[in-house]
Full PDB file with SEQRES, HELIX, SHEET, SSBOND, CRYST1, ORIGX, SCALE, CONECT and MASTER records, all heavy atoms in Angstrom:
SEQRES   1 A   35  LEU VAL PHE THR THR GLU LEU ILE VAL SER GLU LEU VAL          
SEQRES   2 A   35  THR ASN ALA ILE ARG TYR GLY GLY ALA PRO VAL GLY LEU          
SEQRES   3 A   35  ARG LEU ILE ARG ASP GLN ARG LEU ILE                          
HELIX    1 AA1 VAL A    2  ASN A   15  1                                  14    
HELIX    2 AA2 ALA A   16  GLY A   20  3                                   5    
CRYST1    1.000    1.000    1.000  90.00  90.00  90.00 P 1           1          
ORIGX1      1.000000  0.000000  0.000000        0.00000                         
ORIGX2      0.000000  1.000000  0.000000        0.00000                         
ORIGX3      0.000000  0.000000  1.000000        0.00000                         
SCALE1      1.000000  0.000000  0.000000        0.00000                         
SCALE2      0.000000  1.000000  0.000000        0.00000                         
SCALE3      0.000000  0.000000  1.000000        0.00000                         
ATOM      1  N   LEU A   1       0.804  -1.225   0.000  1.00  0.00           N  
ATOM      2  CA  LEU A   1       0.000   0.000   0.000  1.00  0.00           C  
ATOM      3  C   LEU A   1       0.839   1.277   0.000  1.00  0.00           C  
ATOM      4  O   LEU A   1       0.283   2.375  -0.036  1.00  0.00           O  
ATOM      5  CB  LEU A   1      -0.924   0.014   1.232  1.00  0.00           C  
ATOM      6  CG  LEU A   1      -2.026  -1.040   1.262  1.00  0.00           C  
ATOM      7  CD1 LEU A   1      -2.810  -0.949   2.561  1.00  0.00           C  
ATOM      8  CD2 LEU A   1      -2.946  -0.882   0.065  1.00  0.00           C  
ATOM      9  N   VAL A   2       2.156   1.137   0.051  1.00  0.00           N  
ATOM     10  CA  VAL A   2       3.017   2.313   0.208  1.00  0.00           C  
ATOM     11  C   VAL A   2       2.847   3.300  -0.946  1.00  0.00           C  
ATOM     12  O   VAL A   2       2.584   4.484  -0.728  1.00  0.00           O  
ATOM     13  CB  VAL A   2       4.499   1.915   0.386  1.00  0.00           C  
ATOM     14  CG1 VAL A   2       5.413   3.131   0.266  1.00  0.00           C  
ATOM     15  CG2 VAL A   2       4.715   1.238   1.730  1.00  0.00           C  
ATOM     16  N   PHE A   3       2.999   2.858  -2.171  1.00  0.00           N  
ATOM     17  CA  PHE A   3       2.952   3.783  -3.306  1.00  0.00           C  
ATOM     18  C   PHE A   3       1.615   4.526  -3.372  1.00  0.00           C  
ATOM     19  O   PHE A   3       1.580   5.755  -3.488  1.00  0.00           O  
ATOM     20  CB  PHE A   3       3.218   3.046  -4.627  1.00  0.00           C  
ATOM     21  CG  PHE A   3       3.143   3.943  -5.827  1.00  0.00           C  
ATOM     22  CD1 PHE A   3       4.191   4.795  -6.138  1.00  0.00           C  
ATOM     23  CD2 PHE A   3       2.015   3.960  -6.636  1.00  0.00           C  
ATOM     24  CE1 PHE A   3       4.123   5.646  -7.236  1.00  0.00           C  
ATOM     25  CE2 PHE A   3       1.935   4.802  -7.728  1.00  0.00           C  
ATOM     26  CZ  PHE A   3       2.994   5.643  -8.029  1.00  0.00           C  
ATOM     27  N   THR A   4       0.533   3.788  -3.304  1.00  0.00           N  
ATOM     28  CA  THR A   4      -0.797   4.404  -3.399  1.00  0.00           C  
ATOM     29  C   THR A   4      -1.045   5.363  -2.243  1.00  0.00           C  
ATOM     30  O   THR A   4      -1.543   6.474  -2.438  1.00  0.00           O  
ATOM     31  CB  THR A   4      -1.888   3.313  -3.416  1.00  0.00           C  
ATOM     32  OG1 THR A   4      -1.633   2.435  -4.510  1.00  0.00           O  
ATOM     33  CG2 THR A   4      -3.269   3.910  -3.557  1.00  0.00           C  
ATOM     34  N   THR A   5      -0.686   4.942  -1.039  1.00  0.00           N  
ATOM     35  CA  THR A   5      -0.927   5.788   0.131  1.00  0.00           C  
ATOM     36  C   THR A   5      -0.056   7.040   0.099  1.00  0.00           C  
ATOM     37  O   THR A   5      -0.520   8.126   0.467  1.00  0.00           O  
ATOM     38  CB  THR A   5      -0.702   4.994   1.427  1.00  0.00           C  
ATOM     39  OG1 THR A   5      -1.491   3.801   1.371  1.00  0.00           O  
ATOM     40  CG2 THR A   5      -1.102   5.803   2.648  1.00  0.00           C  
ATOM     41  N   GLU A   6       1.181   6.922  -0.358  1.00  0.00           N  
ATOM     42  CA  GLU A   6       2.021   8.108  -0.515  1.00  0.00           C  
ATOM     43  C   GLU A   6       1.380   9.101  -1.490  1.00  0.00           C  
ATOM     44  O   GLU A   6       1.389  10.315  -1.238  1.00  0.00           O  
ATOM     45  CB  GLU A   6       3.410   7.728  -1.034  1.00  0.00           C  
ATOM     46  CG  GLU A   6       4.332   7.149  -0.016  1.00  0.00           C  
ATOM     47  CD  GLU A   6       5.685   6.793  -0.610  1.00  0.00           C  
ATOM     48  OE1 GLU A   6       5.756   6.474  -1.822  1.00  0.00           O  
ATOM     49  OE2 GLU A   6       6.667   6.841   0.140  1.00  0.00           O  
ATOM     50  N   LEU A   7       0.827   8.603  -2.559  1.00  0.00           N  
ATOM     51  CA  LEU A   7       0.168   9.461  -3.537  1.00  0.00           C  
ATOM     52  C   LEU A   7      -1.059  10.145  -2.927  1.00  0.00           C  
ATOM     53  O   LEU A   7      -1.254  11.355  -3.081  1.00  0.00           O  
ATOM     54  CB  LEU A   7      -0.221   8.650  -4.779  1.00  0.00           C  
ATOM     55  CG  LEU A   7      -0.812   9.410  -5.949  1.00  0.00           C  
ATOM     56  CD1 LEU A   7       0.106  10.533  -6.402  1.00  0.00           C  
ATOM     57  CD2 LEU A   7      -1.069   8.453  -7.096  1.00  0.00           C  
ATOM     58  N   ILE A   8      -1.865   9.384  -2.222  1.00  0.00           N  
ATOM     59  CA  ILE A   8      -3.056   9.933  -1.558  1.00  0.00           C  
ATOM     60  C   ILE A   8      -2.655  11.012  -0.562  1.00  0.00           C  
ATOM     61  O   ILE A   8      -3.218  12.112  -0.550  1.00  0.00           O  
ATOM     62  CB  ILE A   8      -3.855   8.800  -0.871  1.00  0.00           C  
ATOM     63  CG1 ILE A   8      -4.484   7.882  -1.918  1.00  0.00           C  
ATOM     64  CG2 ILE A   8      -4.916   9.383   0.072  1.00  0.00           C  
ATOM     65  CD1 ILE A   8      -4.974   6.564  -1.355  1.00  0.00           C  
ATOM     66  N   VAL A   9      -1.684  10.696   0.283  1.00  0.00           N  
ATOM     67  CA  VAL A   9      -1.230  11.654   1.297  1.00  0.00           C  
ATOM     68  C   VAL A   9      -0.676  12.910   0.629  1.00  0.00           C  
ATOM     69  O   VAL A   9      -0.962  14.030   1.066  1.00  0.00           O  
ATOM     70  CB  VAL A   9      -0.192  11.005   2.239  1.00  0.00           C  
ATOM     71  CG1 VAL A   9       0.550  12.045   3.064  1.00  0.00           C  
ATOM     72  CG2 VAL A   9      -0.877  10.004   3.150  1.00  0.00           C  
ATOM     73  N   SER A  10       0.100  12.747  -0.423  1.00  0.00           N  
ATOM     74  CA  SER A  10       0.656  13.909  -1.124  1.00  0.00           C  
ATOM     75  C   SER A  10      -0.444  14.833  -1.625  1.00  0.00           C  
ATOM     76  O   SER A  10      -0.364  16.055  -1.471  1.00  0.00           O  
ATOM     77  CB  SER A  10       1.523  13.464  -2.302  1.00  0.00           C  
ATOM     78  OG  SER A  10       2.689  12.870  -1.853  1.00  0.00           O  
ATOM     79  N   GLU A  11      -1.468  14.258  -2.228  1.00  0.00           N  
ATOM     80  CA  GLU A  11      -2.570  15.070  -2.744  1.00  0.00           C  
ATOM     81  C   GLU A  11      -3.319  15.782  -1.621  1.00  0.00           C  
ATOM     82  O   GLU A  11      -3.598  16.976  -1.711  1.00  0.00           O  
ATOM     83  CB  GLU A  11      -3.544  14.203  -3.552  1.00  0.00           C  
ATOM     84  CG  GLU A  11      -2.987  13.692  -4.856  1.00  0.00           C  
ATOM     85  CD  GLU A  11      -2.667  14.792  -5.846  1.00  0.00           C  
ATOM     86  OE1 GLU A  11      -3.265  15.889  -5.776  1.00  0.00           O  
ATOM     87  OE2 GLU A  11      -1.791  14.571  -6.692  1.00  0.00           O  
ATOM     88  N   LEU A  12      -3.639  15.043  -0.564  1.00  0.00           N  
ATOM     89  CA  LEU A  12      -4.418  15.637   0.521  1.00  0.00           C  
ATOM     90  C   LEU A  12      -3.630  16.676   1.303  1.00  0.00           C  
ATOM     91  O   LEU A  12      -4.165  17.728   1.673  1.00  0.00           O  
ATOM     92  CB  LEU A  12      -4.932  14.540   1.456  1.00  0.00           C  
ATOM     93  CG  LEU A  12      -5.942  13.566   0.841  1.00  0.00           C  
ATOM     94  CD1 LEU A  12      -6.378  12.545   1.882  1.00  0.00           C  
ATOM     95  CD2 LEU A  12      -7.141  14.302   0.262  1.00  0.00           C  
ATOM     96  N   VAL A  13      -2.365  16.401   1.566  1.00  0.00           N  
ATOM     97  CA  VAL A  13      -1.540  17.363   2.304  1.00  0.00           C  
ATOM     98  C   VAL A  13      -1.299  18.612   1.459  1.00  0.00           C  
ATOM     99  O   VAL A  13      -1.369  19.737   1.968  1.00  0.00           O  
ATOM    100  CB  VAL A  13      -0.217  16.718   2.767  1.00  0.00           C  
ATOM    101  CG1 VAL A  13       0.760  17.767   3.281  1.00  0.00           C  
ATOM    102  CG2 VAL A  13      -0.492  15.691   3.861  1.00  0.00           C  
ATOM    103  N   THR A  14      -1.055  18.434   0.165  1.00  0.00           N  
ATOM    104  CA  THR A  14      -0.876  19.587  -0.714  1.00  0.00           C  
ATOM    105  C   THR A  14      -2.117  20.462  -0.710  1.00  0.00           C  
ATOM    106  O   THR A  14      -2.030  21.686  -0.593  1.00  0.00           O  
ATOM    107  CB  THR A  14      -0.543  19.132  -2.150  1.00  0.00           C  
ATOM    108  OG1 THR A  14       0.688  18.410  -2.115  1.00  0.00           O  
ATOM    109  CG2 THR A  14      -0.420  20.316  -3.095  1.00  0.00           C  
ATOM    110  N   ASN A  15      -3.291  19.841  -0.815  1.00  0.00           N  
ATOM    111  CA  ASN A  15      -4.545  20.610  -0.763  1.00  0.00           C  
ATOM    112  C   ASN A  15      -4.707  21.313   0.574  1.00  0.00           C  
ATOM    113  O   ASN A  15      -5.146  22.466   0.628  1.00  0.00           O  
ATOM    114  CB  ASN A  15      -5.745  19.702  -1.020  1.00  0.00           C  
ATOM    115  CG  ASN A  15      -5.912  19.348  -2.473  1.00  0.00           C  
ATOM    116  OD1 ASN A  15      -5.221  19.877  -3.336  1.00  0.00           O  
ATOM    117  ND2 ASN A  15      -6.814  18.439  -2.749  1.00  0.00           N  
ATOM    118  N   ALA A  16      -4.374  20.626   1.658  1.00  0.00           N  
ATOM    119  CA  ALA A  16      -4.502  21.225   2.993  1.00  0.00           C  
ATOM    120  C   ALA A  16      -3.598  22.448   3.126  1.00  0.00           C  
ATOM    121  O   ALA A  16      -4.022  23.486   3.636  1.00  0.00           O  
ATOM    122  CB  ALA A  16      -4.178  20.189   4.065  1.00  0.00           C  
ATOM    123  N   ILE A  17      -2.370  22.339   2.666  1.00  0.00           N  
ATOM    124  CA  ILE A  17      -1.440  23.465   2.744  1.00  0.00           C  
ATOM    125  C   ILE A  17      -1.905  24.601   1.839  1.00  0.00           C  
ATOM    126  O   ILE A  17      -1.913  25.766   2.243  1.00  0.00           O  
ATOM    127  CB  ILE A  17      -0.018  23.014   2.362  1.00  0.00           C  
ATOM    128  CG1 ILE A  17       0.545  22.081   3.440  1.00  0.00           C  
ATOM    129  CG2 ILE A  17       0.906  24.221   2.161  1.00  0.00           C  
ATOM    130  CD1 ILE A  17       1.810  21.359   3.038  1.00  0.00           C  
ATOM    131  N   ARG A  18      -2.320  24.250   0.642  1.00  0.00           N  
ATOM    132  CA  ARG A  18      -2.698  25.273  -0.343  1.00  0.00           C  
ATOM    133  C   ARG A  18      -3.993  26.005   0.018  1.00  0.00           C  
ATOM    134  O   ARG A  18      -4.095  27.215  -0.122  1.00  0.00           O  
ATOM    135  CB  ARG A  18      -2.842  24.624  -1.709  1.00  0.00           C  
ATOM    136  CG  ARG A  18      -3.092  25.596  -2.811  1.00  0.00           C  
ATOM    137  CD  ARG A  18      -3.025  24.915  -4.144  1.00  0.00           C  
ATOM    138  NE  ARG A  18      -3.118  25.912  -5.200  1.00  0.00           N  
ATOM    139  CZ  ARG A  18      -3.032  25.642  -6.466  1.00  0.00           C  
ATOM    140  NH1 ARG A  18      -2.846  24.409  -6.865  1.00  0.00           N  
ATOM    141  NH2 ARG A  18      -3.130  26.591  -7.366  1.00  0.00           N  
ATOM    142  N   TYR A  19      -4.982  25.249   0.487  1.00  0.00           N  
ATOM    143  CA  TYR A  19      -6.302  25.849   0.713  1.00  0.00           C  
ATOM    144  C   TYR A  19      -6.686  25.991   2.179  1.00  0.00           C  
ATOM    145  O   TYR A  19      -7.591  26.748   2.501  1.00  0.00           O  
ATOM    146  CB  TYR A  19      -7.381  25.019   0.002  1.00  0.00           C  
ATOM    147  CG  TYR A  19      -7.139  24.908  -1.478  1.00  0.00           C  
ATOM    148  CD1 TYR A  19      -6.770  23.694  -2.045  1.00  0.00           C  
ATOM    149  CD2 TYR A  19      -7.257  26.015  -2.304  1.00  0.00           C  
ATOM    150  CE1 TYR A  19      -6.538  23.582  -3.412  1.00  0.00           C  
ATOM    151  CE2 TYR A  19      -7.027  25.915  -3.669  1.00  0.00           C  
ATOM    152  CZ  TYR A  19      -6.668  24.700  -4.211  1.00  0.00           C  
ATOM    153  OH  TYR A  19      -6.434  24.597  -5.558  1.00  0.00           O  
ATOM    154  N   GLY A  20      -6.026  25.268   3.070  1.00  0.00           N  
ATOM    155  CA  GLY A  20      -6.431  25.287   4.468  1.00  0.00           C  
ATOM    156  C   GLY A  20      -5.483  26.012   5.389  1.00  0.00           C  
ATOM    157  O   GLY A  20      -5.890  26.595   6.376  1.00  0.00           O  
ATOM    158  N   GLY A  21      -4.203  25.980   5.080  1.00  0.00           N  
ATOM    159  CA  GLY A  21      -3.211  26.622   5.929  1.00  0.00           C  
ATOM    160  C   GLY A  21      -2.700  25.706   7.024  1.00  0.00           C  
ATOM    161  O   GLY A  21      -3.094  24.555   7.139  1.00  0.00           O  
ATOM    162  N   ALA A  22      -1.822  26.263   7.816  1.00  0.00           N  
ATOM    163  CA  ALA A  22      -1.199  25.497   8.905  1.00  0.00           C  
ATOM    164  C   ALA A  22      -2.008  25.667  10.187  1.00  0.00           C  
ATOM    165  O   ALA A  22      -2.712  26.659  10.346  1.00  0.00           O  
ATOM    166  CB  ALA A  22       0.233  25.979   9.105  1.00  0.00           C  
ATOM    167  N   PRO A  23      -1.927  24.717  11.072  1.00  0.00           N  
ATOM    168  CA  PRO A  23      -1.174  23.468  10.987  1.00  0.00           C  
ATOM    169  C   PRO A  23      -1.945  22.390  10.222  1.00  0.00           C  
ATOM    170  O   PRO A  23      -3.169  22.394  10.187  1.00  0.00           O  
ATOM    171  CB  PRO A  23      -1.001  23.049  12.449  1.00  0.00           C  
ATOM    172  CG  PRO A  23      -2.223  23.585  13.123  1.00  0.00           C  
ATOM    173  CD  PRO A  23      -2.560  24.875  12.392  1.00  0.00           C  
ATOM    174  N   VAL A  24      -1.184  21.491   9.627  1.00  0.00           N  
ATOM    175  CA  VAL A  24      -1.749  20.346   8.915  1.00  0.00           C  
ATOM    176  C   VAL A  24      -1.393  19.099   9.705  1.00  0.00           C  
ATOM    177  O   VAL A  24      -0.247  18.925  10.105  1.00  0.00           O  
ATOM    178  CB  VAL A  24      -1.187  20.247   7.481  1.00  0.00           C  
ATOM    179  CG1 VAL A  24      -1.646  18.974   6.799  1.00  0.00           C  
ATOM    180  CG2 VAL A  24      -1.602  21.473   6.673  1.00  0.00           C  
ATOM    181  N   GLY A  25      -2.383  18.254   9.936  1.00  0.00           N  
ATOM    182  CA  GLY A  25      -2.159  17.009  10.668  1.00  0.00           C  
ATOM    183  C   GLY A  25      -2.374  15.811   9.772  1.00  0.00           C  
ATOM    184  O   GLY A  25      -3.186  15.850   8.845  1.00  0.00           O  
ATOM    185  N   LEU A  26      -1.626  14.745  10.049  1.00  0.00           N  
ATOM    186  CA  LEU A  26      -1.759  13.492   9.316  1.00  0.00           C  
ATOM    187  C   LEU A  26      -1.867  12.364  10.323  1.00  0.00           C  
ATOM    188  O   LEU A  26      -1.098  12.313  11.287  1.00  0.00           O  
ATOM    189  CB  LEU A  26      -0.547  13.266   8.413  1.00  0.00           C  
ATOM    190  CG  LEU A  26      -0.427  11.879   7.762  1.00  0.00           C  
ATOM    191  CD1 LEU A  26      -1.581  11.622   6.801  1.00  0.00           C  
ATOM    192  CD2 LEU A  26       0.912  11.735   7.065  1.00  0.00           C  
ATOM    193  N   ARG A  27      -2.820  11.477  10.091  1.00  0.00           N  
ATOM    194  CA  ARG A  27      -2.974  10.321  10.965  1.00  0.00           C  
ATOM    195  C   ARG A  27      -3.299   9.101  10.122  1.00  0.00           C  
ATOM    196  O   ARG A  27      -4.161   9.164   9.239  1.00  0.00           O  
ATOM    197  CB  ARG A  27      -4.095  10.582  11.967  1.00  0.00           C  
ATOM    198  CG  ARG A  27      -4.234   9.516  13.010  1.00  0.00           C  
ATOM    199  CD  ARG A  27      -5.073   9.995  14.168  1.00  0.00           C  
ATOM    200  NE  ARG A  27      -6.485   9.965  13.829  1.00  0.00           N  
ATOM    201  CZ  ARG A  27      -7.458   9.732  14.706  1.00  0.00           C  
ATOM    202  NH1 ARG A  27      -7.173   9.557  15.974  1.00  0.00           N  
ATOM    203  NH2 ARG A  27      -8.707   9.710  14.325  1.00  0.00           N  
ATOM    204  N   LEU A  28      -2.591   8.004  10.361  1.00  0.00           N  
ATOM    205  CA  LEU A  28      -2.871   6.719   9.721  1.00  0.00           C  
ATOM    206  C   LEU A  28      -3.421   5.786  10.793  1.00  0.00           C  
ATOM    207  O   LEU A  28      -2.864   5.692  11.879  1.00  0.00           O  
ATOM    208  CB  LEU A  28      -1.610   6.103   9.129  1.00  0.00           C  
ATOM    209  CG  LEU A  28      -0.969   6.840   7.963  1.00  0.00           C  
ATOM    210  CD1 LEU A  28       0.321   6.145   7.562  1.00  0.00           C  
ATOM    211  CD2 LEU A  28      -1.914   6.914   6.786  1.00  0.00           C  
ATOM    212  N   ILE A  29      -4.491   5.087  10.446  1.00  0.00           N  
ATOM    213  CA  ILE A  29      -5.123   4.157  11.382  1.00  0.00           C  
ATOM    214  C   ILE A  29      -5.261   2.813  10.689  1.00  0.00           C  
ATOM    215  O   ILE A  29      -5.846   2.725   9.598  1.00  0.00           O  
ATOM    216  CB  ILE A  29      -6.521   4.663  11.806  1.00  0.00           C  
ATOM    217  CG1 ILE A  29      -6.403   6.052  12.434  1.00  0.00           C  
ATOM    218  CG2 ILE A  29      -7.194   3.669  12.749  1.00  0.00           C  
ATOM    219  CD1 ILE A  29      -7.726   6.770  12.575  1.00  0.00           C  
ATOM    220  N   ARG A  30      -4.715   1.788  11.308  1.00  0.00           N  
ATOM    221  CA  ARG A  30      -4.861   0.424  10.771  1.00  0.00           C  
ATOM    222  C   ARG A  30      -5.976  -0.241  11.542  1.00  0.00           C  
ATOM    223  O   ARG A  30      -5.865  -0.509  12.731  1.00  0.00           O  
ATOM    224  CB  ARG A  30      -3.560  -0.352  10.932  1.00  0.00           C  
ATOM    225  CG  ARG A  30      -3.677  -1.737  10.358  1.00  0.00           C  
ATOM    226  CD  ARG A  30      -2.413  -2.508  10.559  1.00  0.00           C  
ATOM    227  NE  ARG A  30      -2.576  -3.840   9.993  1.00  0.00           N  
ATOM    228  CZ  ARG A  30      -1.703  -4.791  10.136  1.00  0.00           C  
ATOM    229  NH1 ARG A  30      -0.598  -4.582  10.827  1.00  0.00           N  
ATOM    230  NH2 ARG A  30      -1.921  -5.967   9.602  1.00  0.00           N  
ATOM    231  N   ASP A  31      -7.068  -0.491  10.861  1.00  0.00           N  
ATOM    232  CA  ASP A  31      -8.230  -1.136  11.458  1.00  0.00           C  
ATOM    233  C   ASP A  31      -8.650  -2.225  10.476  1.00  0.00           C  
ATOM    234  O   ASP A  31      -7.800  -2.891   9.915  1.00  0.00           O  
ATOM    235  CB  ASP A  31      -9.321  -0.086  11.696  1.00  0.00           C  
ATOM    236  CG  ASP A  31     -10.413  -0.551  12.642  1.00  0.00           C  
ATOM    237  OD1 ASP A  31     -10.180  -1.486  13.420  1.00  0.00           O  
ATOM    238  OD2 ASP A  31     -11.512   0.034  12.589  1.00  0.00           O  
ATOM    239  N   GLN A  32      -9.935  -2.386  10.217  1.00  0.00           N  
ATOM    240  CA  GLN A  32     -10.370  -3.333   9.203  1.00  0.00           C  
ATOM    241  C   GLN A  32      -9.980  -2.850   7.817  1.00  0.00           C  
ATOM    242  O   GLN A  32      -9.921  -3.624   6.875  1.00  0.00           O  
ATOM    243  CB  GLN A  32     -11.874  -3.556   9.300  1.00  0.00           C  
ATOM    244  CG  GLN A  32     -12.253  -4.234  10.597  1.00  0.00           C  
ATOM    245  CD  GLN A  32     -13.751  -4.348  10.756  1.00  0.00           C  
ATOM    246  OE1 GLN A  32     -14.525  -3.797   9.972  1.00  0.00           O  
ATOM    247  NE2 GLN A  32     -14.171  -5.065  11.784  1.00  0.00           N  
ATOM    248  N   ARG A  33      -9.734  -1.559   7.698  1.00  0.00           N  
ATOM    249  CA  ARG A  33      -9.195  -0.931   6.498  1.00  0.00           C  
ATOM    250  C   ARG A  33      -8.105   0.029   6.939  1.00  0.00           C  
ATOM    251  O   ARG A  33      -7.998   0.357   8.110  1.00  0.00           O  
ATOM    252  CB  ARG A  33     -10.287  -0.157   5.759  1.00  0.00           C  
ATOM    253  CG  ARG A  33     -11.337  -1.047   5.150  1.00  0.00           C  
ATOM    254  CD  ARG A  33     -12.160  -0.282   4.125  1.00  0.00           C  
ATOM    255  NE  ARG A  33     -12.956  -1.188   3.352  1.00  0.00           N  
ATOM    256  CZ  ARG A  33     -14.255  -1.385   3.550  1.00  0.00           C  
ATOM    257  NH1 ARG A  33     -14.889  -0.718   4.472  1.00  0.00           N  
ATOM    258  NH2 ARG A  33     -14.912  -2.236   2.790  1.00  0.00           N  
ATOM    259  N   LEU A  34      -7.308   0.502   5.978  1.00  0.00           N  
ATOM    260  CA  LEU A  34      -6.334   1.540   6.281  1.00  0.00           C  
ATOM    261  C   LEU A  34      -7.042   2.879   6.146  1.00  0.00           C  
ATOM    262  O   LEU A  34      -7.604   3.191   5.091  1.00  0.00           O  
ATOM    263  CB  LEU A  34      -5.148   1.479   5.316  1.00  0.00           C  
ATOM    264  CG  LEU A  34      -4.113   2.597   5.496  1.00  0.00           C  
ATOM    265  CD1 LEU A  34      -3.447   2.499   6.870  1.00  0.00           C  
ATOM    266  CD2 LEU A  34      -3.087   2.548   4.383  1.00  0.00           C  
ATOM    267  N   ILE A  35      -7.034   3.641   7.208  1.00  0.00           N  
ATOM    268  CA  ILE A  35      -7.678   4.950   7.216  1.00  0.00           C  
ATOM    269  C   ILE A  35      -6.579   6.008   7.259  1.00  0.00           C  
ATOM    270  O   ILE A  35      -5.658   5.926   8.075  1.00  0.00           O  
ATOM    271  CB  ILE A  35      -8.618   5.099   8.429  1.00  0.00           C  
ATOM    272  CG1 ILE A  35      -9.698   4.029   8.367  1.00  0.00           C  
ATOM    273  CG2 ILE A  35      -9.215   6.512   8.467  1.00  0.00           C  
ATOM    274  CD1 ILE A  35     -10.502   3.884   9.637  1.00  0.00           C  
TER     275      ILE A  35                                                      
MASTER        0    0    0    2    0    0    0    6  274    1    0    3          
END                                                                             
């Protein structure tokens, strides 16, 4: 899942920085799915 998740995180973090501002938080949760 590394490649796909890196791509997802890159897109979401870029959007957060560009449109939301700081601070930006990231959290990964391993449950029945990867969140």
